[in-house]
Every structure is written in structure tokens, then in C-alpha cells.
Amino acid sequence: MKTMGLITALFFVVGLTGALAQFPPGGFGETRYVDANTKQVVLSVKGDIVTRLIDMGIRVIDFEPLFYRQRVAAGTGYLVKIRIDYGQYIHVSIFRHLFGSSTEVLNIEVGKSLADPLV
């Protein structure tokens, strides 16, 4: 019985390690299309993003998260490309604290194009 528990624990650790391997330590993973989970995270801070853009004198006609990169470190960091109008994009840094206790906008970069990489 102890052997079965040890084998199960070993598979769990190997699976977890494999799942986290896509995120280099301290670095962001590859750029991906926004999925449902990431879209939910972005929409949870949409009000803060729009308010900051309005304070900068930038109108938001559209709000469509398109691409993202992600890293895990005491929570989850996101770099997200968002279309705010035809041909106008922003890059937003978002951090969701461990266990989803809170989510905050760290930075907004304006004047981005569709071709600009998320860095």
C-alpha cells in the first residue's frame, strides 16, 4: 500500500514539473492566443485599465484581449495585447496573486501595433 502511495506521489510531482516546464524560472512562456481563463482575468481588471487610459486621454472604442504570455511566481503574471480601437493596441501587465485573492494592473504600454511582440 505504501508503494502505491509513493508511486502516485511520484506521478503527481512529475506531472506538476512537466506542467510548469513551459514557464522558465522568472521568465514568461511563449505568446499564445487568449483563452477563456485569461480573458476572465483581463475582464476582471477592465475597469481599471479603461480608467487609466481615459486619464491618459485615450479613448477606448473596443476592448478585445488577443494574445498573452504568462509566468508563475507567487501568483501568475500576464502580459496581454489588447485591441482598443481599429489598429490601436496596448500591452498590459497584470498580476493575479496566489490563490486568486486579488488581481492588479501593474503597467500599461500604449501606442502598440499588432506586430509588436509582448516583452
PDB file of N, CA and C in Angstrom:
ATOM      1  N   MET A   1       0.812  -1.191   0.000  1.00  0.00           N
ATOM      2  CA  MET A   1       0.000   0.000   0.000  1.00  0.00           C
ATOM      3  C   MET A   1       0.863   1.265   0.000  1.00  0.00           C
ATOM      4  N   LYS A   2       1.949   1.264   0.802  1.00  0.00           N
ATOM      5  CA  LYS A   2       2.830   2.424   0.837  1.00  0.00           C
ATOM      6  C   LYS A   2       3.479   2.650  -0.524  1.00  0.00           C
ATOM      7  N   THR A   3       3.791   1.562  -1.215  1.00  0.00           N
ATOM      8  CA  THR A   3       4.413   1.663  -2.532  1.00  0.00           C
ATOM      9  C   THR A   3       3.472   2.346  -3.521  1.00  0.00           C
ATOM     10  N   MET A   4       2.188   2.000  -3.461  1.00  0.00           N
ATOM     11  CA  MET A   4       1.207   2.612  -4.364  1.00  0.00           C
ATOM     12  C   MET A   4       1.111   4.114  -4.097  1.00  0.00           C
ATOM     13  N   GLY A   5       1.111   4.513  -2.830  1.00  0.00           N
ATOM     14  CA  GLY A   5       1.061   5.934  -2.485  1.00  0.00           C
ATOM     15  C   GLY A   5       2.293   6.679  -2.962  1.00  0.00           C
ATOM     16  N   LEU A   6       3.443   6.039  -2.854  1.00  0.00           N
ATOM     17  CA  LEU A   6       4.688   6.637  -3.306  1.00  0.00           C
ATOM     18  C   LEU A   6       4.688   6.804  -4.825  1.00  0.00           C
ATOM     19  N   ILE A   7       4.195   5.793  -5.525  1.00  0.00           N
ATOM     20  CA  ILE A   7       4.121   5.875  -6.986  1.00  0.00           C
ATOM     21  C   ILE A   7       3.166   6.985  -7.407  1.00  0.00           C
ATOM     22  N   THR A   8       2.025   7.096  -6.741  1.00  0.00           N
ATOM     23  CA  THR A   8       1.063   8.159  -7.044  1.00  0.00           C
ATOM     24  C   THR A   8       1.692   9.531  -6.813  1.00  0.00           C
ATOM     25  N   ALA A   9       2.396   9.690  -5.696  1.00  0.00           N
ATOM     26  CA  ALA A   9       3.053  10.965  -5.390  1.00  0.00           C
ATOM     27  C   ALA A   9       4.104  11.287  -6.439  1.00  0.00           C
ATOM     28  N   LEU A  10       4.847  10.268  -6.877  1.00  0.00           N
ATOM     29  CA  LEU A  10       5.874  10.478  -7.889  1.00  0.00           C
ATOM     30  C   LEU A  10       5.262  10.947  -9.203  1.00  0.00           C
ATOM     31  N   PHE A  11       4.158  10.315  -9.636  1.00  0.00           N
ATOM     32  CA  PHE A  11       3.475  10.750 -10.856  1.00  0.00           C
ATOM     33  C   PHE A  11       2.961  12.182 -10.731  1.00  0.00           C
ATOM     34  N   PHE A  12       2.470  12.546  -9.548  1.00  0.00           N
ATOM     35  CA  PHE A  12       1.982  13.910  -9.323  1.00  0.00           C
ATOM     36  C   PHE A  12       3.110  14.918  -9.497  1.00  0.00           C
ATOM     37  N   VAL A  13       4.258  14.648  -8.871  1.00  0.00           N
ATOM     38  CA  VAL A  13       5.403  15.560  -8.948  1.00  0.00           C
ATOM     39  C   VAL A  13       5.902  15.671 -10.384  1.00  0.00           C
ATOM     40  N   VAL A  14       6.016  14.522 -11.070  1.00  0.00           N
ATOM     41  CA  VAL A  14       6.472  14.537 -12.468  1.00  0.00           C
ATOM     42  C   VAL A  14       5.488  15.326 -13.329  1.00  0.00           C
ATOM     43  N   GLY A  15       4.185  15.112 -13.124  1.00  0.00           N
ATOM     44  CA  GLY A  15       3.170  15.843 -13.888  1.00  0.00           C
ATOM     45  C   GLY A  15       3.218  17.330 -13.617  1.00  0.00           C
ATOM     46  N   LEU A  16       3.365  17.709 -12.350  1.00  0.00           N
ATOM     47  CA  LEU A  16       3.438  19.120 -11.985  1.00  0.00           C
ATOM     48  C   LEU A  16       4.679  19.763 -12.574  1.00  0.00           C
ATOM     49  N   THR A  17       5.806  19.069 -12.497  1.00  0.00           N
ATOM     50  CA  THR A  17       7.048  19.593 -13.057  1.00  0.00           C
ATOM     51  C   THR A  17       6.912  19.790 -14.560  1.00  0.00           C
ATOM     52  N   GLY A  18       6.290  18.840 -15.234  1.00  0.00           N
ATOM     53  CA  GLY A  18       6.095  18.970 -16.679  1.00  0.00           C
ATOM     54  C   GLY A  18       5.184  20.126 -17.030  1.00  0.00           C
ATOM     55  N   ALA A  19       4.153  20.342 -16.227  1.00  0.00           N
ATOM     56  CA  ALA A  19       3.219  21.440 -16.480  1.00  0.00           C
ATOM     57  C   ALA A  19       3.898  22.785 -16.302  1.00  0.00           C
ATOM     58  N   LEU A  20       4.815  22.883 -15.342  1.00  0.00           N
ATOM     59  CA  LEU A  20       5.488  24.156 -15.082  1.00  0.00           C
ATOM     60  C   LEU A  20       6.711  24.362 -15.968  1.00  0.00           C
ATOM     61  N   ALA A  21       7.137  23.330 -16.686  1.00  0.00           N
ATOM     62  CA  ALA A  21       8.335  23.430 -17.514  1.00  0.00           C
ATOM     63  C   ALA A  21       8.179  24.459 -18.619  1.00  0.00           C
ATOM     64  N   GLN A  22       6.947  24.754 -19.037  1.00  0.00           N
ATOM     65  CA  GLN A  22       6.733  25.743 -20.096  1.00  0.00           C
ATOM     66  C   GLN A  22       7.012  27.167 -19.615  1.00  0.00           C
ATOM     67  N   PHE A  23       7.145  27.359 -18.305  1.00  0.00           N
ATOM     68  CA  PHE A  23       7.435  28.666 -17.747  1.00  0.00           C
ATOM     69  C   PHE A  23       8.853  28.684 -17.204  1.00  0.00           C
ATOM     70  N   PRO A  24       9.813  29.270 -17.925  1.00  0.00           N
ATOM     71  CA  PRO A  24      11.170  29.320 -17.425  1.00  0.00           C
ATOM     72  C   PRO A  24      11.194  30.098 -16.109  1.00  0.00           C
ATOM     73  N   PRO A  25      12.052  29.715 -15.169  1.00  0.00           N
ATOM     74  CA  PRO A  25      12.095  30.416 -13.885  1.00  0.00           C
ATOM     75  C   PRO A  25      12.285  31.916 -14.088  1.00  0.00           C
ATOM     76  N   GLY A  26      11.368  32.704 -13.561  1.00  0.00           N
ATOM     77  CA  GLY A  26      11.465  34.151 -13.664  1.00  0.00           C
ATOM     78  C   GLY A  26      11.111  34.705 -15.025  1.00  0.00           C
ATOM     79  N   GLY A  27      10.840  33.849 -15.999  1.00  0.00           N
ATOM     80  CA  GLY A  27      10.567  34.331 -17.342  1.00  0.00           C
ATOM     81  C   GLY A  27       9.167  33.986 -17.799  1.00  0.00           C
ATOM     82  N   PHE A  28       8.743  34.652 -18.846  1.00  0.00           N
ATOM     83  CA  PHE A  28       7.417  34.405 -19.405  1.00  0.00           C
ATOM     84  C   PHE A  28       7.478  33.283 -20.431  1.00  0.00           C
ATOM     85  N   GLY A  29       6.394  32.542 -20.545  1.00  0.00           N
ATOM     86  CA  GLY A  29       6.269  31.487 -21.546  1.00  0.00           C
ATOM     87  C   GLY A  29       6.033  32.094 -22.920  1.00  0.00           C
ATOM     88  N   GLU A  30       5.731  31.230 -23.866  1.00  0.00           N
ATOM     89  CA  GLU A  30       5.519  31.663 -25.247  1.00  0.00           C
ATOM     90  C   GLU A  30       4.225  32.471 -25.391  1.00  0.00           C
ATOM     91  N   THR A  31       4.142  33.233 -26.465  1.00  0.00           N
ATOM     92  CA  THR A  31       2.942  34.007 -26.765  1.00  0.00           C
ATOM     93  C   THR A  31       1.863  33.074 -27.279  1.00  0.00           C
ATOM     94  N   ARG A  32       0.659  33.239 -26.737  1.00  0.00           N
ATOM     95  CA  ARG A  32      -0.481  32.389 -27.108  1.00  0.00           C
ATOM     96  C   ARG A  32      -1.713  33.246 -27.356  1.00  0.00           C
ATOM     97  N   TYR A  33      -2.687  32.645 -28.047  1.00  0.00           N
ATOM     98  CA  TYR A  33      -3.982  33.299 -28.182  1.00  0.00           C
ATOM     99  C   TYR A  33      -4.660  33.300 -26.813  1.00  0.00           C
ATOM    100  N   VAL A  34      -5.401  34.345 -26.516  1.00  0.00           N
ATOM    101  CA  VAL A  34      -6.098  34.438 -25.239  1.00  0.00           C
ATOM    102  C   VAL A  34      -7.110  33.300 -25.126  1.00  0.00           C
ATOM    103  N   ASP A  35      -7.076  32.612 -23.996  1.00  0.00           N
ATOM    104  CA  ASP A  35      -8.043  31.551 -23.714  1.00  0.00           C
ATOM    105  C   ASP A  35      -9.113  32.092 -22.756  1.00  0.00           C
ATOM    106  N   ALA A  36     -10.094  31.272 -22.442  1.00  0.00           N
ATOM    107  CA  ALA A  36     -11.221  31.717 -21.603  1.00  0.00           C
ATOM    108  C   ALA A  36     -10.766  32.162 -20.216  1.00  0.00           C
ATOM    109  N   ASN A  37      -9.814  31.441 -19.627  1.00  0.00           N
ATOM    110  CA  ASN A  37      -9.333  31.792 -18.288  1.00  0.00           C
ATOM    111  C   ASN A  37      -8.629  33.148 -18.296  1.00  0.00           C
ATOM    112  N   THR A  38      -7.744  33.357 -19.264  1.00  0.00           N
ATOM    113  CA  THR A  38      -7.010  34.620 -19.348  1.00  0.00           C
ATOM    114  C   THR A  38      -7.965  35.772 -19.649  1.00  0.00           C
ATOM    115  N   LYS A  39      -8.939  35.534 -20.513  1.00  0.00           N
ATOM    116  CA  LYS A  39      -9.918  36.578 -20.816  1.00  0.00           C
ATOM    117  C   LYS A  39     -10.675  36.984 -19.552  1.00  0.00           C
ATOM    118  N   GLN A  40     -11.025  36.010 -18.722  1.00  0.00           N
ATOM    119  CA  GLN A  40     -11.714  36.296 -17.464  1.00  0.00           C
ATOM    120  C   GLN A  40     -10.836  37.152 -16.546  1.00  0.00           C
ATOM    121  N   VAL A  41      -9.541  36.836 -16.481  1.00  0.00           N
ATOM    122  CA  VAL A  41      -8.613  37.626 -15.658  1.00  0.00           C
ATOM    123  C   VAL A  41      -8.558  39.059 -16.172  1.00  0.00           C
ATOM    124  N   VAL A  42      -8.408  39.231 -17.480  1.00  0.00           N
ATOM    125  CA  VAL A  42      -8.327  40.570 -18.072  1.00  0.00           C
ATOM    126  C   VAL A  42      -9.618  41.348 -17.831  1.00  0.00           C
ATOM    127  N   LEU A  43     -10.752  40.710 -18.055  1.00  0.00           N
ATOM    128  CA  LEU A  43     -12.031  41.403 -17.864  1.00  0.00           C
ATOM    129  C   LEU A  43     -12.266  41.777 -16.406  1.00  0.00           C
ATOM    130  N   SER A  44     -11.639  41.053 -15.474  1.00  0.00           N
ATOM    131  CA  SER A  44     -11.798  41.393 -14.057  1.00  0.00           C
ATOM    132  C   SER A  44     -11.123  42.718 -13.704  1.00  0.00           C
ATOM    133  N   VAL A  45     -10.172  43.180 -14.532  1.00  0.00           N
ATOM    134  CA  VAL A  45      -9.498  44.463 -14.286  1.00  0.00           C
ATOM    135  C   VAL A  45      -9.760  45.464 -15.414  1.00  0.00           C
ATOM    136  N   LYS A  46     -10.727  45.173 -16.266  1.00  0.00           N
ATOM    137  CA  LYS A  46     -11.044  46.053 -17.400  1.00  0.00           C
ATOM    138  C   LYS A  46     -11.353  47.472 -16.931  1.00  0.00           C
ATOM    139  N   GLY A  47     -12.136  47.608 -15.870  1.00  0.00           N
ATOM    140  CA  GLY A  47     -12.485  48.943 -15.373  1.00  0.00           C
ATOM    141  C   GLY A  47     -11.257  49.761 -15.025  1.00  0.00           C
ATOM    142  N   ASP A  48     -10.290  49.148 -14.372  1.00  0.00           N
ATOM    143  CA  ASP A  48      -9.048  49.844 -14.004  1.00  0.00           C
ATOM    144  C   ASP A  48      -8.265  50.236 -15.254  1.00  0.00           C
ATOM    145  N   ILE A  49      -8.183  49.330 -16.214  1.00  0.00           N
ATOM    146  CA  ILE A  49      -7.452  49.618 -17.459  1.00  0.00           C
ATOM    147  C   ILE A  49      -8.103  50.782 -18.200  1.00  0.00           C
ATOM    148  N   VAL A  50      -9.417  50.733 -18.371  1.00  0.00           N
ATOM    149  CA  VAL A  50     -10.132  51.789 -19.107  1.00  0.00           C
ATOM    150  C   VAL A  50      -9.991  53.130 -18.385  1.00  0.00           C
ATOM    151  N   THR A  51     -10.104  53.129 -17.072  1.00  0.00           N
ATOM    152  CA  THR A  51      -9.959  54.365 -16.301  1.00  0.00           C
ATOM    153  C   THR A  51      -8.573  54.973 -16.497  1.00  0.00           C
ATOM    154  N   ARG A  52      -7.545  54.146 -16.444  1.00  0.00           N
ATOM    155  CA  ARG A  52      -6.179  54.650 -16.641  1.00  0.00           C
ATOM    156  C   ARG A  52      -5.995  55.212 -18.046  1.00  0.00           C
ATOM    157  N   LEU A  53      -6.567  54.532 -19.054  1.00  0.00           N
ATOM    158  CA  LEU A  53      -6.450  55.023 -20.427  1.00  0.00           C
ATOM    159  C   LEU A  53      -7.172  56.352 -20.595  1.00  0.00           C
ATOM    160  N   ILE A  54      -8.359  56.481 -20.022  1.00  0.00           N
ATOM    161  CA  ILE A  54      -9.105  57.745 -20.092  1.00  0.00           C
ATOM    162  C   ILE A  54      -8.308  58.860 -19.428  1.00  0.00           C
ATOM    163  N   ASP A  55      -7.672  58.554 -18.293  1.00  0.00           N
ATOM    164  CA  ASP A  55      -6.826  59.546 -17.607  1.00  0.00           C
ATOM    165  C   ASP A  55      -5.647  59.987 -18.466  1.00  0.00           C
ATOM    166  N   MET A  56      -5.221  59.119 -19.415  1.00  0.00           N
ATOM    167  CA  MET A  56      -4.132  59.457 -20.344  1.00  0.00           C
ATOM    168  C   MET A  56      -4.666  60.146 -21.595  1.00  0.00           C
ATOM    169  N   GLY A  57      -5.979  60.325 -21.672  1.00  0.00           N
ATOM    170  CA  GLY A  57      -6.575  60.957 -22.847  1.00  0.00           C
ATOM    171  C   GLY A  57      -6.790  60.002 -24.008  1.00  0.00           C
ATOM    172  N   ILE A  58      -6.858  58.716 -23.732  1.00  0.00           N
ATOM    173  CA  ILE A  58      -7.019  57.707 -24.778  1.00  0.00           C
ATOM    174  C   ILE A  58      -8.429  57.141 -24.718  1.00  0.00           C
ATOM    175  N   ARG A  59      -9.124  57.202 -25.865  1.00  0.00           N
ATOM    176  CA  ARG A  59     -10.482  56.650 -25.945  1.00  0.00           C
ATOM    177  C   ARG A  59     -10.420  55.151 -26.178  1.00  0.00           C
ATOM    178  N   VAL A  60     -11.337  54.445 -25.557  1.00  0.00           N
ATOM    179  CA  VAL A  60     -11.429  53.000 -25.739  1.00  0.00           C
ATOM    180  C   VAL A  60     -12.726  52.716 -26.493  1.00  0.00           C
ATOM    181  N   ILE A  61     -12.604  52.338 -27.757  1.00  0.00           N
ATOM    182  CA  ILE A  61     -13.750  52.039 -28.602  1.00  0.00           C
ATOM    183  C   ILE A  61     -14.076  50.547 -28.535  1.00  0.00           C
ATOM    184  N   ASP A  62     -13.034  49.758 -28.505  1.00  0.00           N
ATOM    185  CA  ASP A  62     -13.141  48.299 -28.489  1.00  0.00           C
ATOM    186  C   ASP A  62     -12.308  47.825 -27.298  1.00  0.00           C
ATOM    187  N   PHE A  63     -12.532  46.634 -26.803  1.00  0.00           N
ATOM    188  CA  PHE A  63     -11.699  46.071 -25.739  1.00  0.00           C
ATOM    189  C   PHE A  63     -11.653  44.572 -25.954  1.00  0.00           C
ATOM    190  N   GLU A  64     -10.662  44.146 -26.728  1.00  0.00           N
ATOM    191  CA  GLU A  64     -10.575  42.732 -27.087  1.00  0.00           C
ATOM    192  C   GLU A  64      -9.172  42.191 -26.789  1.00  0.00           C
ATOM    193  N   PRO A  65      -9.016  41.415 -25.700  1.00  0.00           N
ATOM    194  CA  PRO A  65      -7.729  40.765 -25.432  1.00  0.00           C
ATOM    195  C   PRO A  65      -7.445  39.744 -26.537  1.00  0.00           C
ATOM    196  N   LEU A  66      -6.242  39.792 -27.109  1.00  0.00           N
ATOM    197  CA  LEU A  66      -5.919  38.929 -28.250  1.00  0.00           C
ATOM    198  C   LEU A  66      -4.865  37.874 -27.941  1.00  0.00           C
ATOM    199  N   PHE A  67      -3.736  38.310 -27.386  1.00  0.00           N
ATOM    200  CA  PHE A  67      -2.608  37.427 -27.125  1.00  0.00           C
ATOM    201  C   PHE A  67      -2.114  37.641 -25.706  1.00  0.00           C
ATOM    202  N   TYR A  68      -1.410  36.629 -25.193  1.00  0.00           N
ATOM    203  CA  TYR A  68      -0.839  36.781 -23.863  1.00  0.00           C
ATOM    204  C   TYR A  68       0.391  35.907 -23.688  1.00  0.00           C
ATOM    205  N   ARG A  69       1.181  36.282 -22.701  1.00  0.00           N
ATOM    206  CA  ARG A  69       2.282  35.461 -22.204  1.00  0.00           C
ATOM    207  C   ARG A  69       2.056  35.363 -20.701  1.00  0.00           C
ATOM    208  N   GLN A  70       2.561  34.296 -20.103  1.00  0.00           N
ATOM    209  CA  GLN A  70       2.261  34.046 -18.700  1.00  0.00           C
ATOM    210  C   GLN A  70       3.496  33.525 -17.981  1.00  0.00           C
ATOM    211  N   ARG A  71       3.596  33.873 -16.689  1.00  0.00           N
ATOM    212  CA  ARG A  71       4.634  33.294 -15.841  1.00  0.00           C
ATOM    213  C   ARG A  71       4.060  33.064 -14.455  1.00  0.00           C
ATOM    214  N   VAL A  72       4.632  32.104 -13.758  1.00  0.00           N
ATOM    215  CA  VAL A  72       4.162  31.768 -12.426  1.00  0.00           C
ATOM    216  C   VAL A  72       5.258  32.095 -11.428  1.00  0.00           C
ATOM    217  N   ALA A  73       4.924  32.908 -10.422  1.00  0.00           N
ATOM    218  CA  ALA A  73       5.864  33.275  -9.354  1.00  0.00           C
ATOM    219  C   ALA A  73       5.052  33.896  -8.228  1.00  0.00           C
ATOM    220  N   ALA A  74       4.749  33.136  -7.199  1.00  0.00           N
ATOM    221  CA  ALA A  74       3.936  33.604  -6.063  1.00  0.00           C
ATOM    222  C   ALA A  74       2.602  34.170  -6.557  1.00  0.00           C
ATOM    223  N   GLY A  75       2.133  33.634  -7.646  1.00  0.00           N
ATOM    224  CA  GLY A  75       0.921  34.077  -8.317  1.00  0.00           C
ATOM    225  C   GLY A  75       1.173  33.918  -9.809  1.00  0.00           C
ATOM    226  N   THR A  76       0.354  34.553 -10.609  1.00  0.00           N
ATOM    227  CA  THR A  76       0.513  34.444 -12.058  1.00  0.00           C
ATOM    228  C   THR A  76       0.610  35.829 -12.676  1.00  0.00           C
ATOM    229  N   GLY A  77       1.662  36.030 -13.452  1.00  0.00           N
ATOM    230  CA  GLY A  77       1.837  37.276 -14.180  1.00  0.00           C
ATOM    231  C   GLY A  77       1.397  37.098 -15.616  1.00  0.00           C
ATOM    232  N   TYR A  78       0.742  38.105 -16.149  1.00  0.00           N
ATOM    233  CA  TYR A  78       0.268  38.069 -17.535  1.00  0.00           C
ATOM    234  C   TYR A  78       0.769  39.309 -18.262  1.00  0.00           C
ATOM    235  N   LEU A  79       1.214  39.140 -19.489  1.00  0.00           N
ATOM    236  CA  LEU A  79       1.432  40.233 -20.435  1.00  0.00           C
ATOM    237  C   LEU A  79       0.379  40.025 -21.501  1.00  0.00           C
ATOM    238  N   VAL A  80      -0.471  41.021 -21.727  1.00  0.00           N
ATOM    239  CA  VAL A  80      -1.608  40.832 -22.618  1.00  0.00           C
ATOM    240  C   VAL A  80      -1.652  41.940 -23.666  1.00  0.00           C
ATOM    241  N   LYS A  81      -1.852  41.546 -24.922  1.00  0.00           N
ATOM    242  CA  LYS A  81      -2.084  42.518 -26.007  1.00  0.00           C
ATOM    243  C   LYS A  81      -3.592  42.674 -26.136  1.00  0.00           C
ATOM    244  N   ILE A  82      -4.061  43.933 -26.062  1.00  0.00           N
ATOM    245  CA  ILE A  82      -5.492  44.224 -26.124  1.00  0.00           C
ATOM    246  C   ILE A  82      -5.736  45.235 -27.237  1.00  0.00           C
ATOM    247  N   ARG A  83      -6.714  44.946 -28.096  1.00  0.00           N
ATOM    248  CA  ARG A  83      -7.127  45.902 -29.126  1.00  0.00           C
ATOM    249  C   ARG A  83      -8.120  46.860 -28.484  1.00  0.00           C
ATOM    250  N   ILE A  84      -7.845  48.174 -28.603  1.00  0.00           N
ATOM    251  CA  ILE A  84      -8.758  49.169 -28.015  1.00  0.00           C
ATOM    252  C   ILE A  84      -9.477  49.983 -29.084  1.00  0.00           C
ATOM    253  N   ASP A  85      -9.071  49.850 -30.319  1.00  0.00           N
ATOM    254  CA  ASP A  85      -9.718  50.502 -31.457  1.00  0.00           C
ATOM    255  C   ASP A  85      -9.091  49.902 -32.710  1.00  0.00           C
ATOM    256  N   TYR A  86      -9.673  50.183 -33.859  1.00  0.00           N
ATOM    257  CA  TYR A  86      -9.139  49.659 -35.101  1.00  0.00           C
ATOM    258  C   TYR A  86      -7.681  50.115 -35.253  1.00  0.00           C
ATOM    259  N   GLY A  87      -6.749  49.166 -35.296  1.00  0.00           N
ATOM    260  CA  GLY A  87      -5.338  49.480 -35.474  1.00  0.00           C
ATOM    261  C   GLY A  87      -4.638  50.009 -34.235  1.00  0.00           C
ATOM    262  N   GLN A  88      -5.314  50.055 -33.099  1.00  0.00           N
ATOM    263  CA  GLN A  88      -4.697  50.552 -31.866  1.00  0.00           C
ATOM    264  C   GLN A  88      -4.683  49.447 -30.808  1.00  0.00           C
ATOM    265  N   TYR A  89      -3.500  49.237 -30.253  1.00  0.00           N
ATOM    266  CA  TYR A  89      -3.306  48.156 -29.302  1.00  0.00           C
ATOM    267  C   TYR A  89      -2.554  48.675 -28.084  1.00  0.00           C
ATOM    268  N   ILE A  90      -2.745  47.992 -26.974  1.00  0.00           N
ATOM    269  CA  ILE A  90      -1.992  48.271 -25.757  1.00  0.00           C
ATOM    270  C   ILE A  90      -1.430  46.952 -25.237  1.00  0.00           C
ATOM    271  N   HIS A  91      -0.367  47.057 -24.459  1.00  0.00           N
ATOM    272  CA  HIS A  91       0.173  45.903 -23.747  1.00  0.00           C
ATOM    273  C   HIS A  91      -0.039  46.173 -22.263  1.00  0.00           C
ATOM    274  N   VAL A  92      -0.620  45.212 -21.575  1.00  0.00           N
ATOM    275  CA  VAL A  92      -0.949  45.385 -20.166  1.00  0.00           C
ATOM    276  C   VAL A  92      -0.287  44.278 -19.349  1.00  0.00           C
ATOM    277  N   SER A  93       0.386  44.679 -18.260  1.00  0.00           N
ATOM    278  CA  SER A  93       0.946  43.722 -17.303  1.00  0.00           C
ATOM    279  C   SER A  93      -0.049  43.569 -16.163  1.00  0.00           C
ATOM    280  N   ILE A  94      -0.427  42.337 -15.897  1.00  0.00           N
ATOM    281  CA  ILE A  94      -1.413  42.036 -14.859  1.00  0.00           C
ATOM    282  C   ILE A  94      -0.816  40.978 -13.936  1.00  0.00           C
ATOM    283  N   PHE A  95      -1.080  41.103 -12.647  1.00  0.00           N
ATOM    284  CA  PHE A  95      -0.627  40.092 -11.701  1.00  0.00           C
ATOM    285  C   PHE A  95      -1.804  39.592 -10.883  1.00  0.00           C
ATOM    286  N   ARG A  96      -1.988  38.289 -10.904  1.00  0.00           N
ATOM    287  CA  ARG A  96      -3.027  37.647 -10.087  1.00  0.00           C
ATOM    288  C   ARG A  96      -2.322  36.944  -8.942  1.00  0.00           C
ATOM    289  N   HIS A  97      -2.601  37.412  -7.735  1.00  0.00           N
ATOM    290  CA  HIS A  97      -1.941  36.875  -6.559  1.00  0.00           C
ATOM    291  C   HIS A  97      -2.292  35.412  -6.329  1.00  0.00           C
ATOM    292  N   LEU A  98      -1.428  34.734  -5.631  1.00  0.00           N
ATOM    293  CA  LEU A  98      -1.594  33.322  -5.339  1.00  0.00           C
ATOM    294  C   LEU A  98      -2.989  33.037  -4.819  1.00  0.00           C
ATOM    295  N   PHE A  99      -3.589  31.985  -5.278  1.00  0.00           N
ATOM    296  CA  PHE A  99      -4.944  31.562  -4.926  1.00  0.00           C
ATOM    297  C   PHE A  99      -6.006  32.556  -5.404  1.00  0.00           C
ATOM    298  N   GLY A 100      -5.650  33.455  -6.331  1.00  0.00           N
ATOM    299  CA  GLY A 100      -6.626  34.364  -6.919  1.00  0.00           C
ATOM    300  C   GLY A 100      -7.228  35.356  -5.944  1.00  0.00           C
ATOM    301  N   SER A 101      -6.507  35.629  -4.823  1.00  0.00           N
ATOM    302  CA  SER A 101      -7.056  36.518  -3.800  1.00  0.00           C
ATOM    303  C   SER A 101      -7.291  37.938  -4.321  1.00  0.00           C
ATOM    304  N   SER A 102      -6.448  38.398  -5.226  1.00  0.00           N
ATOM    305  CA  SER A 102      -6.664  39.700  -5.850  1.00  0.00           C
ATOM    306  C   SER A 102      -5.895  39.755  -7.164  1.00  0.00           C
ATOM    307  N   THR A 103      -6.330  40.646  -8.021  1.00  0.00           N
ATOM    308  CA  THR A 103      -5.704  40.822  -9.331  1.00  0.00           C
ATOM    309  C   THR A 103      -5.468  42.311  -9.519  1.00  0.00           C
ATOM    310  N   GLU A 104      -4.289  42.670 -10.026  1.00  0.00           N
ATOM    311  CA  GLU A 104      -3.983  44.087 -10.196  1.00  0.00           C
ATOM    312  C   GLU A 104      -3.276  44.358 -11.516  1.00  0.00           C
ATOM    313  N   VAL A 105      -3.500  45.569 -12.030  1.00  0.00           N
ATOM    314  CA  VAL A 105      -2.828  46.038 -13.234  1.00  0.00           C
ATOM    315  C   VAL A 105      -1.514  46.664 -12.794  1.00  0.00           C
ATOM    316  N   LEU A 106      -0.411  46.170 -13.332  1.00  0.00           N
ATOM    317  CA  LEU A 106       0.898  46.695 -12.962  1.00  0.00           C
ATOM    318  C   LEU A 106       1.367  47.793 -13.899  1.00  0.00           C
ATOM    319  N   ASN A 107       1.080  47.640 -15.200  1.00  0.00           N
ATOM    320  CA  ASN A 107       1.597  48.592 -16.176  1.00  0.00           C
ATOM    321  C   ASN A 107       0.768  48.534 -17.448  1.00  0.00           C
ATOM    322  N   ILE A 108       0.664  49.677 -18.120  1.00  0.00           N
ATOM    323  CA  ILE A 108       0.004  49.748 -19.422  1.00  0.00           C
ATOM    324  C   ILE A 108       0.953  50.444 -20.381  1.00  0.00           C
ATOM    325  N   GLU A 109       1.244  49.798 -21.513  1.00  0.00           N
ATOM    326  CA  GLU A 109       2.051  50.398 -22.571  1.00  0.00           C
ATOM    327  C   GLU A 109       1.125  50.735 -23.726  1.00  0.00           C
ATOM    328  N   VAL A 110       1.118  52.001 -24.128  1.00  0.00           N
ATOM    329  CA  VAL A 110       0.234  52.452 -25.210  1.00  0.00           C
ATOM    330  C   VAL A 110       1.029  52.611 -26.503  1.00  0.00           C
ATOM    331  N   GLY A 111       0.296  52.820 -27.597  1.00  0.00           N
ATOM    332  CA  GLY A 111       0.937  53.058 -28.890  1.00  0.00           C
ATOM    333  C   GLY A 111       1.540  51.800 -29.500  1.00  0.00           C
ATOM    334  N   LYS A 112       1.000  50.657 -29.184  1.00  0.00           N
ATOM    335  CA  LYS A 112       1.498  49.401 -29.704  1.00  0.00           C
ATOM    336  C   LYS A 112       0.780  49.034 -30.998  1.00  0.00           C
ATOM    337  N   SER A 113       1.420  48.203 -31.793  1.00  0.00           N
ATOM    338  CA  SER A 113       0.804  47.698 -33.024  1.00  0.00           C
ATOM    339  C   SER A 113       0.539  46.210 -32.860  1.00  0.00           C
ATOM    340  N   LEU A 114      -0.181  45.647 -33.796  1.00  0.00           N
ATOM    341  CA  LEU A 114      -0.447  44.215 -33.770  1.00  0.00           C
ATOM    342  C   LEU A 114       0.853  43.425 -33.861  1.00  0.00           C
ATOM    343  N   ALA A 115       1.841  43.960 -34.579  1.00  0.00           N
ATOM    344  CA  ALA A 115       3.108  43.261 -34.795  1.00  0.00           C
ATOM    345  C   ALA A 115       4.077  43.361 -33.627  1.00  0.00           C
ATOM    346  N   ASP A 116       3.875  44.297 -32.709  1.00  0.00           N
ATOM    347  CA  ASP A 116       4.800  44.457 -31.585  1.00  0.00           C
ATOM    348  C   ASP A 116       4.771  43.228 -30.683  1.00  0.00           C
ATOM    349  N   PRO A 117       5.936  42.656 -30.380  1.00  0.00           N
ATOM    350  CA  PRO A 117       5.966  41.475 -29.510  1.00  0.00           C
ATOM    351  C   PRO A 117       5.661  41.838 -28.051  1.00  0.00           C
ATOM    352  N   LEU A 118       5.098  40.895 -27.327  1.00  0.00           N
ATOM    353  CA  LEU A 118       4.869  41.068 -25.897  1.00  0.00           C
ATOM    354  C   LEU A 118       6.177  40.794 -25.167  1.00  0.00           C
ATOM    355  N   VAL A 119       6.806  41.833 -24.672  1.00  0.00           N
ATOM    356  CA  VAL A 119       8.073  41.679 -23.929  1.00  0.00           C
ATOM    357  C   VAL A 119       8.028  42.451 -22.634  1.00  0.00           C
TER     358      VAL A 119
END
